C-alpha atoms as a PDB file:
ATOM      1  CA  MET A   1     -91.636-102.426   0.437  1.00  0.00           C
ATOM      2  CA  ASP A   2     -93.071-103.408   3.802  1.00  0.00           C
ATOM      3  CA  THR A   3     -94.251-106.857   4.903  1.00  0.00           C
ATOM      4  CA  LEU A   4     -97.971-106.117   4.346  1.00  0.00           C
ATOM      5  CA  THR A   5     -97.423-105.414   0.631  1.00  0.00           C
ATOM      6  CA  ILE A   6     -95.520-108.697   0.203  1.00  0.00           C
ATOM      7  CA  ILE A   7     -98.346-110.632   1.887  1.00  0.00           C
ATOM      8  CA  LEU A   8    -100.913-109.033  -0.433  1.00  0.00           C
ATOM      9  CA  LEU A   9     -98.867-109.977  -3.521  1.00  0.00           C
ATOM     10  CA  ILE A  10     -98.582-113.586  -2.357  1.00  0.00           C
ATOM     11  CA  ALA A  11    -102.360-113.678  -1.815  1.00  0.00           C
ATOM     12  CA  VAL A  12    -102.928-112.442  -5.397  1.00  0.00           C
ATOM     13  CA  VAL A  13    -100.674-115.191  -6.771  1.00  0.00           C
ATOM     14  CA  LEU A  14    -102.507-117.885  -4.780  1.00  0.00           C
ATOM     15  CA  LEU A  15    -105.876-116.560  -5.942  1.00  0.00           C
ATOM     16  CA  ALA A  16    -104.725-116.674  -9.557  1.00  0.00           C
ATOM     17  CA  ALA A  17    -103.497-120.246  -9.139  1.00  0.00           C
ATOM     18  CA  GLY A  18    -106.844-121.314  -7.672  1.00  0.00           C
ATOM     19  CA  LEU A  19    -108.700-119.710 -10.532  1.00  0.00           C
ATOM     20  CA  ALA A  20    -106.497-121.595 -12.977  1.00  0.00           C
ATOM     21  CA  VAL A  21    -107.326-124.896 -11.318  1.00  0.00           C
ATOM     22  CA  VAL A  22    -111.052-124.162 -11.526  1.00  0.00           C
ATOM     23  CA  LEU A  23    -110.768-123.273 -15.172  1.00  0.00           C
ATOM     24  CA  LEU A  24    -108.835-126.477 -15.890  1.00  0.00           C
ATOM     25  CA  ARG A  25    -111.548-128.559 -14.278  1.00  0.00           C
ATOM     26  CA  GLN A  26    -114.196-126.770 -16.315  1.00  0.00           C
ATOM     27  CA  ALA A  27    -112.180-127.341 -19.422  1.00  0.00           C
ATOM     28  CA  GLY A  28    -111.980-131.082 -18.678  1.00  0.00           C
ATOM     29  CA  ASN A  29    -115.686-131.295 -18.248  1.00  0.00           C
ATOM     30  CA  THR A  30    -116.243-129.532 -21.603  1.00  0.00           C
ATOM     31  CA  ALA A  31    -113.469-131.216 -23.543  1.00  0.00           C
ATOM     32  CA  GLY A  32    -115.609-131.355 -26.555  1.00  0.00           C
ATOM     33  CA  ASN A  33    -116.285-127.729 -26.647  1.00  0.00           C
ATOM     34  CA  ALA A  34    -113.636-126.017 -28.816  1.00  0.00           C
ATOM     35  CA  ARG A  35    -114.562-122.592 -27.662  1.00  0.00           C
ATOM     36  CA  ALA A  36    -114.013-123.623 -24.069  1.00  0.00           C
ATOM     37  CA  GLU A  37    -110.609-125.012 -24.998  1.00  0.00           C
ATOM     38  CA  GLU A  38    -109.683-121.785 -26.739  1.00  0.00           C
ATOM     39  CA  ALA A  39    -110.814-119.816 -23.727  1.00  0.00           C
ATOM     40  CA  MET A  40    -108.812-122.149 -21.541  1.00  0.00           C
ATOM     41  CA  ARG A  41    -105.678-121.503 -23.573  1.00  0.00           C
ATOM     42  CA  HIS A  42    -106.183-117.771 -23.373  1.00  0.00           C
ATOM     43  CA  GLN A  43    -106.730-118.013 -19.621  1.00  0.00           C
ATOM     44  CA  GLN A  44    -103.625-120.117 -19.189  1.00  0.00           C
ATOM     45  CA  MET A  45    -101.534-117.645 -21.178  1.00  0.00           C
ATOM     46  CA  ALA A  46    -102.942-114.724 -19.231  1.00  0.00           C
ATOM     47  CA  MET A  47    -102.342-116.576 -15.984  1.00  0.00           C
ATOM     48  CA  ALA A  48     -98.765-117.379 -16.959  1.00  0.00           C
ATOM     49  CA  ASP A  49     -98.184-113.771 -17.912  1.00  0.00           C
ATOM     50  CA  THR A  50     -99.696-112.585 -14.630  1.00  0.00           C
ATOM     51  CA  VAL A  51     -97.601-115.036 -12.645  1.00  0.00           C
ATOM     52  CA  GLN A  52     -94.489-113.902 -14.501  1.00  0.00           C
ATOM     53  CA  ARG A  53     -95.244-110.235 -13.830  1.00  0.00           C
ATOM     54  CA  VAL A  54     -95.928-111.011 -10.158  1.00  0.00           C
ATOM     55  CA  GLU A  55     -92.660-112.942  -9.875  1.00  0.00           C
ATOM     56  CA  GLN A  56     -90.757-110.085 -11.534  1.00  0.00           C
ATOM     57  CA  SER A  57     -92.443-107.558  -9.226  1.00  0.00           C
ATOM     58  CA  LEU A  58     -91.627-109.732  -6.217  1.00  0.00           C
ATOM     59  CA  ARG A  59     -87.969-109.932  -7.271  1.00  0.00           C
ATOM     60  CA  GLU A  60     -87.821-106.166  -7.737  1.00  0.00           C
ATOM     61  CA  GLN A  61     -89.503-105.596  -4.406  1.00  0.00           C
ATOM     62  CA  GLU A  62     -87.120-108.088  -2.823  1.00  0.00           C
ATOM     63  CA  ARG A  63     -84.108-106.245  -4.252  1.00  0.00           C
ATOM     64  CA  ALA A  64     -85.524-102.901  -3.136  1.00  0.00           C
ATOM     65  CA  LEU A  65     -86.265-104.313   0.299  1.00  0.00           C
ATOM     66  CA  ALA A  66     -82.744-105.748   0.545  1.00  0.00           C
ATOM     67  CA  ALA A  67     -81.277-102.373  -0.444  1.00  0.00           C
ATOM     68  CA  VAL A  68     -83.410-100.572   2.142  1.00  0.00           C
ATOM     69  CA  VAL A  69     -82.514-103.116   4.816  1.00  0.00           C
ATOM     70  CA  ASN A  70     -78.803-102.883   3.987  1.00  0.00           C
ATOM     71  CA  ASP A  71     -78.939 -99.087   3.998  1.00  0.00           C
ATOM     72  CA  ARG A  72     -80.736 -99.045   7.315  1.00  0.00           C
ATOM     73  CA  LEU A  73     -78.325-101.606   8.754  1.00  0.00           C
ATOM     74  CA  SER A  74     -75.368 -99.495   7.566  1.00  0.00           C
ATOM     75  CA  LYS A  75     -76.835 -96.332   9.040  1.00  0.00           C
ATOM     76  CA  SER A  76     -77.748 -98.171  12.218  1.00  0.00           C
ATOM     77  CA  GLU A  77     -74.194 -99.530  12.495  1.00  0.00           C
ATOM     78  CA  GLU A  78     -72.748 -96.045  11.965  1.00  0.00           C
ATOM     79  CA  THR A  79     -75.144 -94.537  14.515  1.00  0.00           C
ATOM     80  CA  THR A  80     -74.421 -97.328  16.955  1.00  0.00           C
ATOM     81  CA  GLY A  81     -70.660 -96.795  16.574  1.00  0.00           C
ATOM     82  CA  LYS A  82     -71.059 -93.085  17.192  1.00  0.00           C
ATOM     83  CA  ILE A  83     -73.217 -93.757  20.238  1.00  0.00           C
ATOM     84  CA  VAL A  84     -70.659 -96.223  21.559  1.00  0.00           C
ATOM     85  CA  THR A  85     -67.849 -93.675  21.019  1.00  0.00           C
ATOM     86  CA  ASP A  86     -69.824 -90.937  22.779  1.00  0.00           C
ATOM     87  CA  LEU A  87     -70.633 -93.352  25.576  1.00  0.00           C
ATOM     88  CA  ARG A  88     -66.952 -94.208  26.030  1.00  0.00           C
ATOM     89  CA  GLU A  89     -66.011 -90.525  26.136  1.00  0.00           C
ATOM     90  CA  ARG A  90     -68.717 -89.853  28.709  1.00  0.00           C
ATOM     91  CA  LEU A  91     -67.549 -92.797  30.776  1.00  0.00           C
ATOM     92  CA  VAL A  92     -63.994 -91.394  30.716  1.00  0.00           C
ATOM     93  CA  LYS A  93     -65.293 -88.002  31.870  1.00  0.00           C
ATOM     94  CA  ILE A  94     -67.382 -89.661  34.572  1.00  0.00           C
ATOM     95  CA  ASP A  95     -64.323 -91.586  35.797  1.00  0.00           C
ATOM     96  CA  ALA A  96     -62.280 -88.356  35.921  1.00  0.00           C
ATOM     97  CA  ALA A  97     -65.084 -86.567  37.776  1.00  0.00           C
ATOM     98  CA  GLN A  98     -65.369 -89.435  40.253  1.00  0.00           C
ATOM     99  CA  LYS A  99     -61.613 -89.275  40.830  1.00  0.00           C
ATOM    100  CA  GLN A 100     -61.801 -85.531  41.456  1.00  0.00           C
ATOM    101  CA  ILE A 101     -64.706 -86.059  43.837  1.00  0.00           C
ATOM    102  CA  GLY A 102     -62.679 -88.705  45.642  1.00  0.00           C
ATOM    103  CA  ASP A 103     -59.677 -86.376  45.912  1.00  0.00           C
ATOM    104  CA  LEU A 104     -61.913 -83.562  47.117  1.00  0.00           C
ATOM    105  CA  SER A 105     -63.483 -85.867  49.697  1.00  0.00           C
ATOM    106  CA  THR A 106     -60.027 -86.823  50.906  1.00  0.00           C
ATOM    107  CA  GLN A 107     -59.070 -83.148  51.176  1.00  0.00           C
ATOM    108  CA  VAL A 108     -62.287 -82.341  53.050  1.00  0.00           C
ATOM    109  CA  VAL A 109     -61.664 -85.202  55.453  1.00  0.00           C
ATOM    110  CA  GLY A 110     -58.096 -83.973  55.934  1.00  0.00           C
ATOM    111  CA  LEU A 111     -59.317 -80.435  56.589  1.00  0.00           C
ATOM    112  CA  GLN A 112     -61.880 -81.719  59.091  1.00  0.00           C
ATOM    113  CA  HIS A 113     -59.123 -83.662  60.845  1.00  0.00           C
ATOM    114  CA  ILE A 114     -56.989 -80.514  60.974  1.00  0.00           C
ATOM    115  CA  LEU A 115     -59.790 -78.358  62.323  1.00  0.00           C
ATOM    116  CA  THR A 116     -60.882 -80.892  64.956  1.00  0.00           C
ATOM    117  CA  ASN A 117     -57.347 -81.420  66.264  1.00  0.00           C
ATOM    118  CA  LYS A 118     -56.219 -78.453  68.358  1.00  0.00           C
ATOM    119  CA  GLN A 119     -52.507 -78.929  67.687  1.00  0.00           C
ATOM    120  CA  ALA A 120     -53.041 -79.420  63.961  1.00  0.00           C
ATOM    121  CA  ARG A 121     -55.381 -76.429  63.895  1.00  0.00           C
ATOM    122  CA  GLY A 122     -52.648 -74.276  65.425  1.00  0.00           C
ATOM    123  CA  ALA A 123     -50.218 -75.467  62.758  1.00  0.00           C
ATOM    124  CA  PHE A 124     -52.819 -74.616  60.105  1.00  0.00           C
ATOM    125  CA  GLY A 125     -52.992 -71.029  61.393  1.00  0.00           C
ATOM    126  CA  GLU A 126     -49.187 -70.769  61.481  1.00  0.00           C
ATOM    127  CA  VAL A 127     -48.881 -72.043  57.901  1.00  0.00           C
ATOM    128  CA  GLN A 128     -51.457 -69.546  56.657  1.00  0.00           C
ATOM    129  CA  LEU A 129     -49.684 -66.752  58.544  1.00  0.00           C
ATOM    130  CA  GLY A 130     -46.356 -67.823  57.066  1.00  0.00           C
ATOM    131  CA  ASP A 131     -47.746 -67.791  53.522  1.00  0.00           C
ATOM    132  CA  LEU A 132     -49.079 -64.248  53.946  1.00  0.00           C
ATOM    133  CA  VAL A 133     -45.850 -62.903  55.453  1.00  0.00           C
ATOM    134  CA  GLN A 134     -43.591 -64.559  52.865  1.00  0.00           C
ATOM    135  CA  SER A 135     -45.709 -63.246  49.981  1.00  0.00           C
ATOM    136  CA  ALA A 136     -45.591 -59.632  51.242  1.00  0.00           C
ATOM    137  CA  LEU A 137     -42.169 -59.051  52.868  1.00  0.00           C
ATOM    138  CA  PRO A 138     -38.521 -59.765  52.065  1.00  0.00           C
ATOM    139  CA  PRO A 139     -36.839 -62.530  54.119  1.00  0.00           C
ATOM    140  CA  SER A 140     -34.776 -60.018  56.088  1.00  0.00           C
ATOM    141  CA  ALA A 141     -37.917 -58.386  57.480  1.00  0.00           C
ATOM    142  CA  TYR A 142     -39.278 -61.318  59.541  1.00  0.00           C
ATOM    143  CA  GLU A 143     -38.366 -64.374  61.598  1.00  0.00           C
ATOM    144  CA  PHE A 144     -40.607 -67.382  62.299  1.00  0.00           C
ATOM    145  CA  GLN A 145     -40.699 -69.122  65.699  1.00  0.00           C
ATOM    146  CA  SER A 146     -38.501 -66.445  67.204  1.00  0.00           C
ATOM    147  CA  THR A 147     -37.550 -66.846  70.874  1.00  0.00           C
ATOM    148  CA  LEU A 148     -37.760 -63.688  72.992  1.00  0.00           C
ATOM    149  CA  SER A 149     -35.723 -62.812  76.082  1.00  0.00           C
ATOM    150  CA  ASN A 150     -38.470 -64.111  78.422  1.00  0.00           C
ATOM    151  CA  GLY A 151     -38.298 -67.558  76.788  1.00  0.00           C
ATOM    152  CA  SER A 152     -41.572 -67.174  74.866  1.00  0.00           C
ATOM    153  CA  ARG A 153     -41.605 -68.337  71.275  1.00  0.00           C
ATOM    154  CA  VAL A 154     -43.714 -66.234  68.929  1.00  0.00           C
ATOM    155  CA  ASP A 155     -45.080 -67.508  65.609  1.00  0.00           C
ATOM    156  CA  CYS A 156     -43.662 -64.564  63.662  1.00  0.00           C
ATOM    157  CA  LEU A 157     -41.577 -61.498  64.548  1.00  0.00           C
ATOM    158  CA  LEU A 158     -41.582 -58.556  62.147  1.00  0.00           C
ATOM    159  CA  LYS A 159     -38.199 -56.841  62.319  1.00  0.00           C
ATOM    160  CA  LEU A 160     -38.853 -53.099  62.204  1.00  0.00           C
ATOM    161  CA  PRO A 161     -36.533 -50.269  63.290  1.00  0.00           C
ATOM    162  CA  ASN A 162     -37.285 -48.140  66.320  1.00  0.00           C
ATOM    163  CA  PRO A 163     -39.833 -46.755  66.425  1.00  0.00           C
ATOM    164  CA  PRO A 164     -41.983 -48.831  66.552  1.00  0.00           C
ATOM    165  CA  GLY A 165     -39.598 -51.779  66.943  1.00  0.00           C
ATOM    166  CA  SER A 166     -40.151 -55.480  66.236  1.00  0.00           C
ATOM    167  CA  ILE A 167     -43.825 -56.544  66.148  1.00  0.00           C
ATOM    168  CA  ALA A 168     -44.866 -59.984  67.403  1.00  0.00           C
ATOM    169  CA  ILE A 169     -47.631 -61.919  65.584  1.00  0.00           C
ATOM    170  CA  ASP A 170     -49.274 -64.994  67.088  1.00  0.00           C
ATOM    171  CA  ALA A 171     -51.929 -67.147  65.371  1.00  0.00           C
ATOM    172  CA  LYS A 172     -55.001 -68.146  67.422  1.00  0.00           C
ATOM    173  CA  PHE A 173     -57.971 -70.284  66.329  1.00  0.00           C
ATOM    174  CA  PRO A 174     -60.915 -70.429  68.858  1.00  0.00           C
ATOM    175  CA  LEU A 175     -62.851 -72.932  66.744  1.00  0.00           C
ATOM    176  CA  GLU A 176     -64.577 -74.939  69.501  1.00  0.00           C
ATOM    177  CA  SER A 177     -66.207 -71.931  71.113  1.00  0.00           C
ATOM    178  CA  TYR A 178     -67.151 -70.531  67.705  1.00  0.00           C
ATOM    179  CA  HIS A 179     -68.817 -73.818  66.668  1.00  0.00           C
ATOM    180  CA  LEU A 180     -70.619 -73.890  69.995  1.00  0.00           C
ATOM    181  CA  LEU A 181     -71.886 -70.400  69.249  1.00  0.00           C
ATOM    182  CA  ARG A 182     -72.979 -71.296  65.706  1.00  0.00           C
ATOM    183  CA  ASN A 183     -74.741 -74.527  66.744  1.00  0.00           C
ATOM    184  CA  VAL A 184     -77.042 -72.970  69.328  1.00  0.00           C
ATOM    185  CA  VAL A 185     -80.663 -73.948  68.664  1.00  0.00           C
ATOM    186  CA  ALA A 186     -82.931 -71.035  67.810  1.00  0.00           C
ATOM    187  CA  GLY A 187     -84.825 -69.884  70.879  1.00  0.00           C
ATOM    188  CA  ASP A 188     -82.375 -71.444  73.341  1.00  0.00           C
ATOM    189  CA  ALA A 189     -81.492 -68.290  75.271  1.00  0.00           C
ATOM    190  CA  ALA A 190     -79.562 -70.152  77.975  1.00  0.00           C
ATOM    191  CA  GLY A 191     -77.514 -72.068  75.408  1.00  0.00           C
ATOM    192  CA  LEU A 192     -76.780 -68.879  73.471  1.00  0.00           C
ATOM    193  CA  LEU A 193     -75.619 -67.089  76.626  1.00  0.00           C
ATOM    194  CA  ALA A 194     -73.332 -70.008  77.560  1.00  0.00           C
ATOM    195  CA  ALA A 195     -71.856 -70.125  74.054  1.00  0.00           C
ATOM    196  CA  GLN A 196     -71.234 -66.360  74.053  1.00  0.00           C
ATOM    197  CA  ARG A 197     -69.486 -66.581  77.411  1.00  0.00           C
ATOM    198  CA  ALA A 198     -67.306 -69.455  76.178  1.00  0.00           C
ATOM    199  CA  PHE A 199     -66.318 -67.496  73.071  1.00  0.00           C
ATOM    200  CA  GLN A 200     -65.522 -64.367  75.105  1.00  0.00           C
ATOM    201  CA  THR A 201     -63.475 -66.398  77.582  1.00  0.00           C
ATOM    202  CA  ALA A 202     -61.427 -67.994  74.798  1.00  0.00           C
ATOM    203  CA  MET A 203     -60.737 -64.650  73.129  1.00  0.00           C
ATOM    204  CA  ARG A 204     -59.830 -62.933  76.429  1.00  0.00           C
ATOM    205  CA  LYS A 205     -57.333 -65.697  77.185  1.00  0.00           C
ATOM    206  CA  HIS A 206     -55.684 -65.333  73.773  1.00  0.00           C
ATOM    207  CA  ILE A 207     -55.474 -61.542  74.154  1.00  0.00           C
ATOM    208  CA  THR A 208     -53.995 -61.808  77.645  1.00  0.00           C
ATOM    209  CA  ASP A 209     -51.424 -64.415  76.608  1.00  0.00           C
ATOM    210  CA  ILE A 210     -50.192 -62.279  73.724  1.00  0.00           C
ATOM    211  CA  ARG A 211     -50.029 -59.144  75.885  1.00  0.00           C
ATOM    212  CA  ASP A 212     -48.054 -60.851  78.646  1.00  0.00           C
ATOM    213  CA  LYS A 213     -45.709 -62.898  76.453  1.00  0.00           C
ATOM    214  CA  TYR A 214     -44.989 -60.857  73.366  1.00  0.00           C
ATOM    215  CA  ILE A 215     -45.031 -57.175  74.401  1.00  0.00           C
ATOM    216  CA  LEU A 216     -41.644 -56.585  76.040  1.00  0.00           C
ATOM    217  CA  PRO A 217     -40.445 -53.002  76.680  1.00  0.00           C
ATOM    218  CA  GLY A 218     -37.144 -52.281  74.990  1.00  0.00           C
ATOM    219  CA  GLU A 219     -37.290 -55.494  72.956  1.00  0.00           C
ATOM    220  CA  THR A 220     -40.523 -55.425  70.963  1.00  0.00           C
ATOM    221  CA  ALA A 221     -43.008 -52.798  69.882  1.00  0.00           C
ATOM    222  CA  GLU A 222     -45.619 -51.487  72.290  1.00  0.00           C
ATOM    223  CA  SER A 223     -48.285 -53.561  70.533  1.00  0.00           C
ATOM    224  CA  ALA A 224     -48.685 -57.041  69.042  1.00  0.00           C
ATOM    225  CA  LEU A 225     -50.949 -58.781  66.512  1.00  0.00           C
ATOM    226  CA  LEU A 226     -53.420 -61.624  67.106  1.00  0.00           C
ATOM    227  CA  PHE A 227     -53.958 -63.437  63.802  1.00  0.00           C
ATOM    228  CA  LEU A 228     -57.347 -65.154  63.309  1.00  0.00           C
ATOM    229  CA  PRO A 229     -57.060 -67.449  60.238  1.00  0.00           C
ATOM    230  CA  SER A 230     -60.834 -67.273  59.652  1.00  0.00           C
ATOM    231  CA  GLU A 231     -62.783 -64.398  58.149  1.00  0.00           C
ATOM    232  CA  ALA A 232     -66.007 -65.836  59.618  1.00  0.00           C
ATOM    233  CA  ILE A 233     -64.720 -65.729  63.199  1.00  0.00           C
ATOM    234  CA  TYR A 234     -63.288 -62.236  62.624  1.00  0.00           C
ATOM    235  CA  ALA A 235     -66.658 -61.022  61.291  1.00  0.00           C
ATOM    236  CA  GLU A 236     -68.538 -62.615  64.196  1.00  0.00           C
ATOM    237  CA  LEU A 237     -66.191 -60.961  66.677  1.00  0.00           C
ATOM    238  CA  HIS A 238     -66.643 -57.452  65.281  1.00  0.00           C
ATOM    239  CA  ALA A 239     -70.380 -57.871  64.666  1.00  0.00           C
ATOM    240  CA  ASN A 240     -71.473 -59.198  68.061  1.00  0.00           C
ATOM    241  CA  PHE A 241     -68.561 -58.848  70.503  1.00  0.00           C
ATOM    242  CA  GLY A 242     -67.504 -55.227  70.384  1.00  0.00           C
ATOM    243  CA  GLY A 243     -66.514 -55.357  74.051  1.00  0.00           C
ATOM    244  CA  ILE A 244     -63.811 -57.947  73.321  1.00  0.00           C
ATOM    245  CA  VAL A 245     -62.494 -55.765  70.499  1.00  0.00           C
ATOM    246  CA  ASP A 246     -62.316 -52.782  72.886  1.00  0.00           C
ATOM    247  CA  GLU A 247     -60.456 -54.909  75.429  1.00  0.00           C
ATOM    248  CA  SER A 248     -57.935 -55.892  72.765  1.00  0.00           C
ATOM    249  CA  TYR A 249     -57.370 -52.200  71.971  1.00  0.00           C
ATOM    250  CA  LYS A 250     -56.710 -51.440  75.632  1.00  0.00           C
ATOM    251  CA  ALA A 251     -54.262 -54.353  75.816  1.00  0.00           C
ATOM    252  CA  ARG A 252     -52.605 -53.043  72.624  1.00  0.00           C
ATOM    253  CA  VAL A 253     -53.256 -56.362  70.910  1.00  0.00           C
ATOM    254  CA  TRP A 254     -54.617 -55.757  67.431  1.00  0.00           C
ATOM    255  CA  ILE A 255     -56.827 -58.573  66.057  1.00  0.00           C
ATOM    256  CA  VAL A 256     -56.386 -59.219  62.324  1.00  0.00           C
ATOM    257  CA  SER A 257     -57.906 -61.616  59.773  1.00  0.00           C
ATOM    258  CA  PRO A 258     -56.188 -62.862  56.580  1.00  0.00           C
ATOM    259  CA  THR A 259     -57.516 -59.834  54.656  1.00  0.00           C
ATOM    260  CA  THR A 260     -56.598 -57.191  57.230  1.00  0.00           C
ATOM    261  CA  MET A 261     -53.308 -58.995  57.863  1.00  0.00           C
ATOM    262  CA  MET A 262     -52.342 -58.501  54.225  1.00  0.00           C
ATOM    263  CA  ALA A 263     -53.202 -54.779  54.493  1.00  0.00           C
ATOM    264  CA  THR A 264     -51.056 -54.540  57.626  1.00  0.00           C
ATOM    265  CA  LEU A 265     -48.142 -56.276  55.919  1.00  0.00           C
ATOM    266  CA  ASN A 266     -48.378 -53.884  52.983  1.00  0.00           C
ATOM    267  CA  THR A 267     -48.106 -50.992  55.460  1.00  0.00           C
ATOM    268  CA  VAL A 268     -45.067 -52.644  57.055  1.00  0.00           C
ATOM    269  CA  ARG A 269     -43.510 -53.049  53.631  1.00  0.00           C
ATOM    270  CA  ALA A 270     -44.029 -49.315  52.956  1.00  0.00           C
ATOM    271  CA  VAL A 271     -42.374 -48.486  56.310  1.00  0.00           C
ATOM    272  CA  LEU A 272     -39.390 -50.701  55.484  1.00  0.00           C
ATOM    273  CA  LYS A 273     -39.094 -49.081  52.077  1.00  0.00           C
ATOM    274  CA  ASP A 274     -39.093 -45.615  53.686  1.00  0.00           C
ATOM    275  CA  VAL A 275     -36.408 -46.726  56.161  1.00  0.00           C
ATOM    276  CA  ARG A 276     -34.249 -48.055  53.331  1.00  0.00           C
ATOM    277  CA  MET A 277     -34.703 -44.807  51.433  1.00  0.00           C
ATOM    278  CA  ARG A 278     -33.609 -42.806  54.483  1.00  0.00           C
ATOM    279  CA  GLU A 279     -30.595 -45.076  54.910  1.00  0.00           C
ATOM    280  CA  GLN A 280     -29.722 -44.637  51.267  1.00  0.00           C
ATOM    281  CA  ALA A 281     -30.170 -40.866  51.585  1.00  0.00           C
ATOM    282  CA  GLY A 282     -27.677 -40.877  54.477  1.00  0.00           C
ATOM    283  CA  GLU A 283     -25.240 -42.862  52.383  1.00  0.00           C
ATOM    284  CA  ILE A 284     -25.685 -40.398  49.535  1.00  0.00           C
ATOM    285  CA  GLN A 285     -25.067 -37.439  51.848  1.00  0.00           C
ATOM    286  CA  LYS A 286     -21.933 -39.114  53.190  1.00  0.00           C
ATOM    287  CA  ALA A 287     -20.679 -39.783  49.677  1.00  0.00           C
ATOM    288  CA  VAL A 288     -21.360 -36.174  48.651  1.00  0.00           C
ATOM    289  CA  SER A 289     -19.473 -34.893  51.727  1.00  0.00           C
ATOM    290  CA  LEU A 290     -16.473 -37.041  50.834  1.00  0.00           C
ATOM    291  CA  MET A 291     -16.659 -35.840  47.254  1.00  0.00           C
ATOM    292  CA  LEU A 292     -16.689 -32.177  48.379  1.00  0.00           C
ATOM    293  CA  ASN A 293     -13.616 -32.824  50.525  1.00  0.00           C
ATOM    294  CA  ASP A 294     -11.900 -34.362  47.517  1.00  0.00           C
ATOM    295  CA  VAL A 295     -12.772 -31.278  45.455  1.00  0.00           C
ATOM    296  CA  ARG A 296     -11.260 -29.019  48.153  1.00  0.00           C
ATOM    297  CA  LEU A 297      -8.042 -31.041  48.154  1.00  0.00           C
ATOM    298  CA  LEU A 298      -7.981 -30.875  44.376  1.00  0.00           C
ATOM    299  CA  ASP A 299      -8.294 -27.070  44.503  1.00  0.00           C
ATOM    300  CA  GLU A 300      -5.365 -26.877  46.918  1.00  0.00           C
ATOM    301  CA  ARG A 301      -3.235 -29.078  44.724  1.00  0.00           C
ATOM    302  CA  VAL A 302      -4.125 -27.057  41.626  1.00  0.00           C
ATOM    303  CA  ALA A 303      -3.145 -23.838  43.470  1.00  0.00           C
ATOM    304  CA  LYS A 304       0.194 -25.397  44.441  1.00  0.00           C
ATOM    305  CA  LEU A 305       0.708 -26.523  40.890  1.00  0.00           C
ATOM    306  CA  LYS A 306       0.005 -23.001  39.650  1.00  0.00           C
ATOM    307  CA  ASN A 307       2.658 -21.666  42.072  1.00  0.00           C
ATOM    308  CA  HIS A 308       5.124 -24.204  40.750  1.00  0.00           C
ATOM    309  CA  PHE A 309       4.334 -23.159  37.202  1.00  0.00           C
ATOM    310  CA  ALA A 310       4.766 -19.459  38.140  1.00  0.00           C
ATOM    311  CA  MET A 311       8.170 -20.135  39.737  1.00  0.00           C
ATOM    312  CA  THR A 312       9.233 -22.195  36.751  1.00  0.00           C
ATOM    313  CA  GLU A 313       8.149 -19.417  34.404  1.00  0.00           C
ATOM    314  CA  LYS A 314      10.242 -16.840  36.405  1.00  0.00           C
ATOM    315  CA  ASP A 315      13.242 -19.163  36.307  1.00  0.00           C
ATOM    316  CA  LEU A 316      12.830 -19.519  32.553  1.00  0.00           C
ATOM    317  CA  ARG A 317      12.663 -15.757  32.113  1.00  0.00           C
ATOM    318  CA  ASP A 318      15.838 -15.367  34.248  1.00  0.00           C
ATOM    319  CA  VAL A 319      17.583 -17.980  32.134  1.00  0.00           C
ATOM    320  CA  GLU A 320      16.540 -16.169  28.963  1.00  0.00           C
ATOM    321  CA  THR A 321      17.830 -12.850  30.382  1.00  0.00           C
ATOM    322  CA  SER A 322      21.198 -14.383  31.308  1.00  0.00           C
ATOM    323  CA  ALA A 323      21.457 -15.965  27.884  1.00  0.00           C
ATOM    324  CA  ASP A 324      20.761 -12.600  26.200  1.00  0.00           C
ATOM    325  CA  ARG A 325      23.451 -10.903  28.264  1.00  0.00           C
ATOM    326  CA  ILE A 326      25.977 -13.589  27.466  1.00  0.00           C
ATOM    327  CA  THR A 327      25.172 -13.270  23.788  1.00  0.00           C
ATOM    328  CA  LYS A 328      25.510  -9.492  23.788  1.00  0.00           C
ATOM    329  CA  ARG A 329      28.846  -9.635  25.644  1.00  0.00           C
ATOM    330  CA  GLY A 330      30.178 -12.120  23.168  1.00  0.00           C
ATOM    331  CA  GLU A 331      29.182  -9.868  20.286  1.00  0.00           C
ATOM    332  CA  ARG A 332      30.945  -6.885  21.887  1.00  0.00           C
ATOM    333  CA  ILE A 333      34.106  -8.919  22.385  1.00  0.00           C
ATOM    334  CA  VAL A 334      34.102  -9.879  18.740  1.00  0.00           C
ATOM    335  CA  GLU A 335      33.584  -6.289  17.625  1.00  0.00           C
ATOM    336  CA  THR A 336      36.425  -5.076  19.872  1.00  0.00           C
ATOM    337  CA  GLU A 337      38.899  -7.570  18.499  1.00  0.00           C
ATOM    338  CA  LEU A 338      38.084  -6.651  14.881  1.00  0.00           C
ATOM    339  CA  GLY A 339      37.845  -2.830  15.306  1.00  0.00           C
ATOM    340  CA  GLU A 340      40.552  -0.097  15.811  1.00  0.00           C
ATOM    341  CA  GLY A 341      41.472   1.664  19.015  1.00  0.00           C
ATOM    342  CA  PRO A 342      41.322   0.491  22.559  1.00  0.00           C
ATOM    343  CA  ALA A 343      38.641  -1.918  23.581  1.00  0.00           C
ATOM    344  CA  ALA A 344      35.846  -0.553  25.664  1.00  0.00           C
ATOM    345  CA  LEU A 345      35.381  -1.810  29.170  1.00  0.00           C
ATOM    346  CA  PRO A 346      32.383  -4.078  29.712  1.00  0.00           C
ATOM    347  CA  PRO A 347      29.442  -2.480  31.511  1.00  0.00           C
ATOM    348  CA  LYS A 348      28.995  -3.167  35.125  1.00  0.00           C
ATOM    349  CA  LEU A 349      26.286  -5.587  36.006  1.00  0.00           C
END
């Protein structure tokens, strides 16, 4: 029951009480009138019954209201607990997300520091190159920071047999000139031309350095690799600076990105596998040649053994023949001694 219903019931009770008071006053004024007294008694009884019913209804409504309030409080407490639990879980997730964002921010700041520092940027390129080489080739096929006969130290030297010979790989990262090129304001023709010249100059210097330092006749292959650890710079180079790419071809310096570097390393791995197979084939041929020689020696020894067996067999037959002759002569001697007449002379051998 809502509050409005309770107020209405209270108003009914008050109205009934007021009516009772009025009736009592009228009854006092007409004390001598028996009919009025009888009516008064009936009114009082009816009023008492009405008041009793109203009180009983109020108690029932109070109990019902208390039950509803308790039920709603219980449900509200349960809902509130669930909301609080969900809120705690969300707060935990928010804290974890904030921590991840903080870690990511730290990593981004670290990457920016690496890319803005020339020495650190070079180390970044070398690390990326090292990861690619180590994931594609066996340890015996490469050497990092290898020193050549001219004193130059190359980032990585792929050890291949002649031809083609060992291939030098050097990581280069022309980030400043590339950023200058990317940050040119639209419509600034002079700024664009200056940025393009700066980028071309940086790339030409890298190509020339690799050609002069890492292509050594009789020691390395006739070509070398320039590793760009950025697909964006590699794409920009081939899209808008074809002349630089042609110059690198003429200098026999092949420019590679992480993707093309992995393809190149897979080719190198196939070459090394073919070399190992040829080496193993040579070993197999050598082993077969030795085995054939052993078979020839075995044939000779078997032939000698057969000769020995043949001679032994002849000796055995001679022994058997001599034994037969001795036996026959003995028999003749015995017959001569037991028979009559002169003994016969033994046959000449």
